[in-house]
Structures are given as C-alpha cells and as structure tokens.
Amino acid sequence: MPLVIHWFRAFVWTLASEQLAAGWMLRREVPALRRVGLIAVANLASHPAVWLIFPELGVGLGWTRWETLLISEVWAFGLEALIYGLFLGPGRARTAVYTSTLANGLSLSLGLALRALGLPL
C-alpha cells in the first residue's frame, strides 16, 4: 500500500478521535462548525509530519521507533496546543493545553490499540 494511502487512513482515524475529544473539550468555547474546522486545521498541521517526516528523520538520526514516536507526539501535542491557544485567545492557554493533551492521548491510545489488535491503519 502506498505510504500516502497508509497516512490518509491513519489521518481519518486520528481526526475522528480528536474531533470527539477536542470537540467535547471545546464545546463551550467554540461554536460547532468552527470547532470542527479548528480541530481539522490543527490535525492537518501536525499529522503529516508525524507520519511522513518524523519517521524518515528518526531513521536518519538513528532514533529507535519509540524515540521517534515520543518526539513526533510531543510535536503534535505542542503544535496543536499552540493552534488552539491562538484561536482561543489570551487567557485560554490552559484550555488549549488540556484540549491537546486529551485529543492526542486518545488518538495515540486508539492507534496503538488498533495496531496491537492487528487492525491496519
């Protein structure tokens, strides 16, 4: 299967789980349609690098699979928290961090669970 197809399947799973988690966290902060768009933008900004850049970078730098996963997840968390924070505005950094933590925790857990069950992403 081409890498871009593999990435897209994982992106759909990630986006679905993060729409649930971040959508729930932001339900009182952001109107529904804007919430969907905001979460999609945050994921479009972070997810391609997690799947397409960090694995290659990790190989080039001699990182283990787990080091690559950790570094790429920190990247996703940080970038998404920044995007949420910029959208929510001053004084809402805590909400942005909590939202990114829950959303990325859920999507990572789901991805690892699916992989452990032998289901392809």
N, C-alpha and C. Protein backbone atom coordinates (compact mmCIF):
# COMPACT_ATOMS: atom_id res chain seq x y z
N MET A 1 0.86 -1.17 0.00
CA MET A 1 0.00 0.00 0.00
C MET A 1 0.90 1.24 0.00
N PRO A 2 0.63 2.21 -0.87
CA PRO A 2 1.44 3.43 -0.90
C PRO A 2 1.38 4.16 0.45
N LEU A 3 2.48 4.79 0.80
CA LEU A 3 2.59 5.47 2.08
C LEU A 3 1.52 6.53 2.27
N VAL A 4 1.21 7.27 1.23
CA VAL A 4 0.20 8.34 1.37
C VAL A 4 -1.18 7.76 1.69
N ILE A 5 -1.50 6.58 1.17
CA ILE A 5 -2.77 5.92 1.49
C ILE A 5 -2.75 5.46 2.95
N HIS A 6 -1.64 4.89 3.36
CA HIS A 6 -1.48 4.46 4.76
C HIS A 6 -1.64 5.67 5.69
N TRP A 7 -0.98 6.78 5.34
CA TRP A 7 -1.11 8.01 6.14
C TRP A 7 -2.56 8.48 6.18
N PHE A 8 -3.23 8.50 5.03
CA PHE A 8 -4.60 9.01 4.98
C PHE A 8 -5.54 8.19 5.86
N ARG A 9 -5.39 6.89 5.85
CA ARG A 9 -6.23 6.04 6.71
C ARG A 9 -5.99 6.36 8.19
N ALA A 10 -4.74 6.52 8.55
CA ALA A 10 -4.42 6.89 9.94
C ALA A 10 -4.95 8.28 10.25
N PHE A 11 -4.88 9.18 9.28
CA PHE A 11 -5.37 10.54 9.49
C PHE A 11 -6.87 10.53 9.76
N VAL A 12 -7.62 9.73 9.04
CA VAL A 12 -9.07 9.66 9.24
C VAL A 12 -9.38 9.17 10.65
N TRP A 13 -8.69 8.12 11.11
CA TRP A 13 -8.89 7.63 12.47
C TRP A 13 -8.53 8.70 13.49
N THR A 14 -7.39 9.35 13.28
CA THR A 14 -6.94 10.40 14.20
C THR A 14 -7.93 11.55 14.24
N LEU A 15 -8.34 12.00 13.08
CA LEU A 15 -9.27 13.13 13.02
C LEU A 15 -10.59 12.79 13.70
N ALA A 16 -11.09 11.58 13.48
CA ALA A 16 -12.35 11.18 14.11
C ALA A 16 -12.22 11.17 15.63
N SER A 17 -11.15 10.59 16.14
CA SER A 17 -11.00 10.52 17.60
C SER A 17 -10.74 11.90 18.19
N GLU A 18 -9.97 12.73 17.51
CA GLU A 18 -9.69 14.06 18.05
C GLU A 18 -10.89 14.98 17.91
N GLN A 19 -11.74 14.75 16.92
CA GLN A 19 -12.99 15.52 16.84
C GLN A 19 -13.84 15.23 18.08
N LEU A 20 -13.86 13.98 18.49
CA LEU A 20 -14.63 13.63 19.69
C LEU A 20 -14.04 14.26 20.94
N ALA A 21 -12.73 14.06 21.14
CA ALA A 21 -12.09 14.53 22.38
C ALA A 21 -11.99 16.05 22.43
N ALA A 22 -11.40 16.64 21.41
CA ALA A 22 -11.23 18.10 21.41
C ALA A 22 -12.59 18.78 21.25
N GLY A 23 -13.46 18.18 20.49
CA GLY A 23 -14.81 18.73 20.33
C GLY A 23 -15.53 18.81 21.66
N TRP A 24 -15.38 17.78 22.47
CA TRP A 24 -16.01 17.78 23.79
C TRP A 24 -15.38 18.85 24.69
N MET A 25 -14.03 18.96 24.63
CA MET A 25 -13.34 19.94 25.46
C MET A 25 -13.69 21.38 25.08
N LEU A 26 -13.93 21.61 23.81
CA LEU A 26 -14.17 22.98 23.32
C LEU A 26 -15.64 23.30 23.14
N ARG A 27 -16.51 22.41 23.57
CA ARG A 27 -17.94 22.56 23.30
C ARG A 27 -18.53 23.87 23.85
N ARG A 28 -17.98 24.41 24.91
CA ARG A 28 -18.50 25.66 25.48
C ARG A 28 -17.71 26.87 25.01
N GLU A 29 -16.59 26.61 24.34
CA GLU A 29 -15.69 27.69 23.92
C GLU A 29 -15.92 28.13 22.48
N VAL A 30 -16.26 27.17 21.62
CA VAL A 30 -16.28 27.42 20.18
C VAL A 30 -17.56 26.84 19.59
N PRO A 31 -18.26 27.60 18.73
CA PRO A 31 -19.45 27.08 18.06
C PRO A 31 -19.12 25.82 17.24
N ALA A 32 -20.10 24.96 17.06
CA ALA A 32 -19.91 23.62 16.48
C ALA A 32 -19.15 23.61 15.15
N LEU A 33 -19.57 24.38 14.19
CA LEU A 33 -18.92 24.36 12.88
C LEU A 33 -17.48 24.86 12.96
N ARG A 34 -17.25 25.88 13.74
CA ARG A 34 -15.88 26.38 13.91
C ARG A 34 -15.02 25.36 14.64
N ARG A 35 -15.61 24.65 15.59
CA ARG A 35 -14.90 23.60 16.32
C ARG A 35 -14.39 22.53 15.37
N VAL A 36 -15.27 22.07 14.50
CA VAL A 36 -14.89 21.03 13.53
C VAL A 36 -13.74 21.53 12.66
N GLY A 37 -13.84 22.75 12.18
CA GLY A 37 -12.79 23.32 11.35
C GLY A 37 -11.48 23.51 12.09
N LEU A 38 -11.56 24.02 13.31
CA LEU A 38 -10.37 24.25 14.13
C LEU A 38 -9.63 22.94 14.39
N ILE A 39 -10.35 21.92 14.75
CA ILE A 39 -9.73 20.62 15.03
C ILE A 39 -9.12 20.03 13.76
N ALA A 40 -9.80 20.19 12.64
CA ALA A 40 -9.26 19.71 11.37
C ALA A 40 -7.97 20.45 11.00
N VAL A 41 -7.96 21.76 11.17
CA VAL A 41 -6.76 22.55 10.86
C VAL A 41 -5.59 22.12 11.76
N ALA A 42 -5.86 21.96 13.04
CA ALA A 42 -4.80 21.55 13.97
C ALA A 42 -4.22 20.20 13.55
N ASN A 43 -5.08 19.28 13.15
CA ASN A 43 -4.61 17.96 12.73
C ASN A 43 -3.90 18.00 11.39
N LEU A 44 -4.38 18.80 10.48
CA LEU A 44 -3.71 18.94 9.18
C LEU A 44 -2.32 19.55 9.35
N ALA A 45 -2.16 20.38 10.35
CA ALA A 45 -0.85 20.99 10.60
C ALA A 45 0.14 20.02 11.22
N SER A 46 -0.33 19.10 12.04
CA SER A 46 0.58 18.23 12.78
C SER A 46 0.73 16.82 12.22
N HIS A 47 -0.34 16.24 11.76
CA HIS A 47 -0.36 14.81 11.43
C HIS A 47 0.57 14.40 10.28
N PRO A 48 0.63 15.16 9.19
CA PRO A 48 1.56 14.74 8.11
C PRO A 48 3.00 14.62 8.58
N ALA A 49 3.45 15.52 9.43
CA ALA A 49 4.82 15.44 9.93
C ALA A 49 5.02 14.20 10.81
N VAL A 50 4.01 13.88 11.61
CA VAL A 50 4.10 12.71 12.48
C VAL A 50 4.29 11.44 11.64
N TRP A 51 3.60 11.35 10.54
CA TRP A 51 3.63 10.14 9.73
C TRP A 51 4.65 10.15 8.60
N LEU A 52 4.92 11.33 8.05
CA LEU A 52 5.74 11.36 6.84
C LEU A 52 7.12 11.96 7.04
N ILE A 53 7.31 12.81 8.02
CA ILE A 53 8.61 13.45 8.22
C ILE A 53 9.39 12.81 9.37
N PHE A 54 8.77 12.70 10.54
CA PHE A 54 9.50 12.19 11.70
C PHE A 54 10.04 10.77 11.52
N PRO A 55 9.31 9.85 10.89
CA PRO A 55 9.91 8.52 10.69
C PRO A 55 11.19 8.56 9.86
N GLU A 56 11.21 9.37 8.81
CA GLU A 56 12.41 9.49 7.99
C GLU A 56 13.52 10.18 8.76
N LEU A 57 13.17 11.22 9.50
CA LEU A 57 14.13 11.94 10.32
C LEU A 57 14.74 11.00 11.37
N GLY A 58 13.88 10.21 11.99
CA GLY A 58 14.33 9.27 13.01
C GLY A 58 15.32 8.25 12.46
N VAL A 59 15.04 7.75 11.27
CA VAL A 59 15.97 6.79 10.65
C VAL A 59 17.30 7.47 10.39
N GLY A 60 17.24 8.68 9.85
CA GLY A 60 18.47 9.41 9.55
C GLY A 60 19.29 9.74 10.78
N LEU A 61 18.64 9.96 11.89
CA LEU A 61 19.33 10.33 13.13
C LEU A 61 19.59 9.14 14.05
N GLY A 62 19.13 7.96 13.64
CA GLY A 62 19.37 6.76 14.43
C GLY A 62 18.46 6.60 15.64
N TRP A 63 17.30 7.25 15.60
CA TRP A 63 16.35 7.11 16.71
C TRP A 63 15.70 5.74 16.65
N THR A 64 15.32 5.22 17.82
CA THR A 64 14.53 4.00 17.85
C THR A 64 13.10 4.34 17.44
N ARG A 65 12.32 3.32 17.22
CA ARG A 65 10.91 3.53 16.87
C ARG A 65 10.19 4.29 17.98
N TRP A 66 10.49 3.95 19.24
CA TRP A 66 9.83 4.58 20.37
C TRP A 66 10.29 6.02 20.57
N GLU A 67 11.56 6.29 20.30
CA GLU A 67 12.04 7.67 20.37
C GLU A 67 11.35 8.52 19.30
N THR A 68 11.23 7.97 18.12
CA THR A 68 10.55 8.68 17.04
C THR A 68 9.10 8.94 17.40
N LEU A 69 8.44 7.94 17.96
CA LEU A 69 7.04 8.11 18.37
C LEU A 69 6.92 9.19 19.43
N LEU A 70 7.77 9.15 20.44
CA LEU A 70 7.72 10.14 21.51
C LEU A 70 7.95 11.56 20.97
N ILE A 71 8.97 11.74 20.17
CA ILE A 71 9.28 13.07 19.64
C ILE A 71 8.17 13.57 18.72
N SER A 72 7.63 12.70 17.89
CA SER A 72 6.56 13.13 16.98
C SER A 72 5.27 13.45 17.74
N GLU A 73 4.99 12.71 18.81
CA GLU A 73 3.79 13.00 19.61
C GLU A 73 3.94 14.30 20.40
N VAL A 74 5.14 14.57 20.87
CA VAL A 74 5.38 15.86 21.54
C VAL A 74 5.18 16.99 20.54
N TRP A 75 5.65 16.80 19.32
CA TRP A 75 5.44 17.77 18.24
C TRP A 75 3.94 18.00 18.02
N ALA A 76 3.19 16.93 17.86
CA ALA A 76 1.76 17.05 17.59
C ALA A 76 1.06 17.76 18.74
N PHE A 77 1.35 17.35 19.96
CA PHE A 77 0.74 17.98 21.13
C PHE A 77 1.05 19.48 21.15
N GLY A 78 2.32 19.82 21.01
CA GLY A 78 2.73 21.22 21.10
C GLY A 78 2.15 22.09 20.00
N LEU A 79 2.20 21.61 18.78
CA LEU A 79 1.67 22.40 17.67
C LEU A 79 0.16 22.57 17.79
N GLU A 80 -0.54 21.51 18.15
CA GLU A 80 -1.99 21.61 18.28
C GLU A 80 -2.37 22.50 19.46
N ALA A 81 -1.65 22.41 20.56
CA ALA A 81 -1.92 23.30 21.70
C ALA A 81 -1.71 24.75 21.30
N LEU A 82 -0.66 25.01 20.53
CA LEU A 82 -0.40 26.36 20.05
C LEU A 82 -1.54 26.86 19.16
N ILE A 83 -1.99 26.02 18.24
CA ILE A 83 -3.08 26.41 17.34
C ILE A 83 -4.36 26.68 18.14
N TYR A 84 -4.68 25.79 19.07
CA TYR A 84 -5.88 26.00 19.90
C TYR A 84 -5.73 27.29 20.71
N GLY A 85 -4.55 27.50 21.27
CA GLY A 85 -4.31 28.70 22.07
C GLY A 85 -4.44 29.98 21.25
N LEU A 86 -3.89 29.97 20.04
CA LEU A 86 -4.01 31.15 19.18
C LEU A 86 -5.47 31.42 18.82
N PHE A 87 -6.22 30.37 18.57
CA PHE A 87 -7.64 30.54 18.22
C PHE A 87 -8.46 31.01 19.42
N LEU A 88 -8.21 30.43 20.58
CA LEU A 88 -9.00 30.75 21.76
C LEU A 88 -8.66 32.12 22.33
N GLY A 89 -7.43 32.56 22.15
CA GLY A 89 -7.04 33.89 22.59
C GLY A 89 -6.41 33.91 23.97
N PRO A 90 -6.02 35.13 24.37
CA PRO A 90 -5.32 35.30 25.66
C PRO A 90 -6.13 34.76 26.83
N GLY A 91 -5.42 34.19 27.78
CA GLY A 91 -6.06 33.68 28.97
C GLY A 91 -6.66 32.29 28.82
N ARG A 92 -6.53 31.68 27.66
CA ARG A 92 -7.14 30.36 27.43
C ARG A 92 -6.07 29.28 27.17
N ALA A 93 -4.83 29.57 27.56
CA ALA A 93 -3.74 28.62 27.31
C ALA A 93 -3.99 27.27 28.00
N ARG A 94 -4.51 27.32 29.22
CA ARG A 94 -4.77 26.08 29.95
C ARG A 94 -5.78 25.21 29.20
N THR A 95 -6.83 25.82 28.69
CA THR A 95 -7.82 25.07 27.91
C THR A 95 -7.18 24.47 26.67
N ALA A 96 -6.32 25.24 26.01
CA ALA A 96 -5.64 24.75 24.81
C ALA A 96 -4.76 23.55 25.12
N VAL A 97 -4.02 23.62 26.22
CA VAL A 97 -3.13 22.52 26.61
C VAL A 97 -3.94 21.30 27.01
N TYR A 98 -4.97 21.47 27.79
CA TYR A 98 -5.82 20.34 28.19
C TYR A 98 -6.48 19.69 26.97
N THR A 99 -6.94 20.52 26.05
CA THR A 99 -7.59 20.01 24.85
C THR A 99 -6.62 19.18 24.02
N SER A 100 -5.44 19.71 23.81
CA SER A 100 -4.43 18.98 23.03
C SER A 100 -4.01 17.70 23.73
N THR A 101 -3.88 17.75 25.04
CA THR A 101 -3.49 16.57 25.81
C THR A 101 -4.52 15.46 25.67
N LEU A 102 -5.79 15.80 25.88
CA LEU A 102 -6.85 14.79 25.77
C LEU A 102 -6.97 14.25 24.36
N ALA A 103 -6.98 15.13 23.37
CA ALA A 103 -7.16 14.71 21.99
C ALA A 103 -6.01 13.82 21.52
N ASN A 104 -4.79 14.25 21.78
CA ASN A 104 -3.64 13.45 21.35
C ASN A 104 -3.50 12.17 22.15
N GLY A 105 -3.83 12.21 23.42
CA GLY A 105 -3.81 10.99 24.22
C GLY A 105 -4.78 9.95 23.70
N LEU A 106 -5.98 10.41 23.36
CA LEU A 106 -6.99 9.49 22.83
C LEU A 106 -6.57 8.93 21.48
N SER A 107 -6.12 9.79 20.57
CA SER A 107 -5.78 9.30 19.23
C SER A 107 -4.57 8.38 19.27
N LEU A 108 -3.58 8.69 20.11
CA LEU A 108 -2.42 7.81 20.23
C LEU A 108 -2.85 6.46 20.83
N SER A 109 -3.63 6.49 21.87
CA SER A 109 -4.10 5.25 22.51
C SER A 109 -4.91 4.40 21.54
N LEU A 110 -5.79 5.04 20.79
CA LEU A 110 -6.58 4.31 19.81
C LEU A 110 -5.69 3.69 18.74
N GLY A 111 -4.73 4.47 18.24
CA GLY A 111 -3.83 3.96 17.23
C GLY A 111 -3.01 2.77 17.71
N LEU A 112 -2.48 2.87 18.92
CA LEU A 112 -1.71 1.76 19.48
C LEU A 112 -2.58 0.54 19.73
N ALA A 113 -3.82 0.76 20.18
CA ALA A 113 -4.75 -0.35 20.42
C ALA A 113 -5.10 -1.05 19.11
N LEU A 114 -5.40 -0.26 18.08
CA LEU A 114 -5.73 -0.87 16.78
C LEU A 114 -4.56 -1.67 16.24
N ARG A 115 -3.36 -1.12 16.38
CA ARG A 115 -2.16 -1.81 15.91
C ARG A 115 -1.94 -3.11 16.69
N ALA A 116 -2.15 -3.04 18.02
CA ALA A 116 -1.98 -4.23 18.87
C ALA A 116 -2.99 -5.34 18.50
N LEU A 117 -4.17 -4.91 18.05
CA LEU A 117 -5.19 -5.88 17.63
C LEU A 117 -4.97 -6.39 16.21
N GLY A 118 -3.93 -5.87 15.57
CA GLY A 118 -3.62 -6.31 14.22
C GLY A 118 -4.46 -5.67 13.14
N LEU A 119 -5.17 -4.60 13.51
CA LEU A 119 -6.00 -3.92 12.53
C LEU A 119 -5.16 -2.86 11.81
N PRO A 120 -5.21 -2.86 10.50
CA PRO A 120 -4.38 -1.90 9.76
C PRO A 120 -4.93 -0.49 9.87
N LEU A 121 -4.04 0.45 9.98
CA LEU A 121 -4.45 1.85 9.98
C LEU A 121 -4.39 2.39 8.58
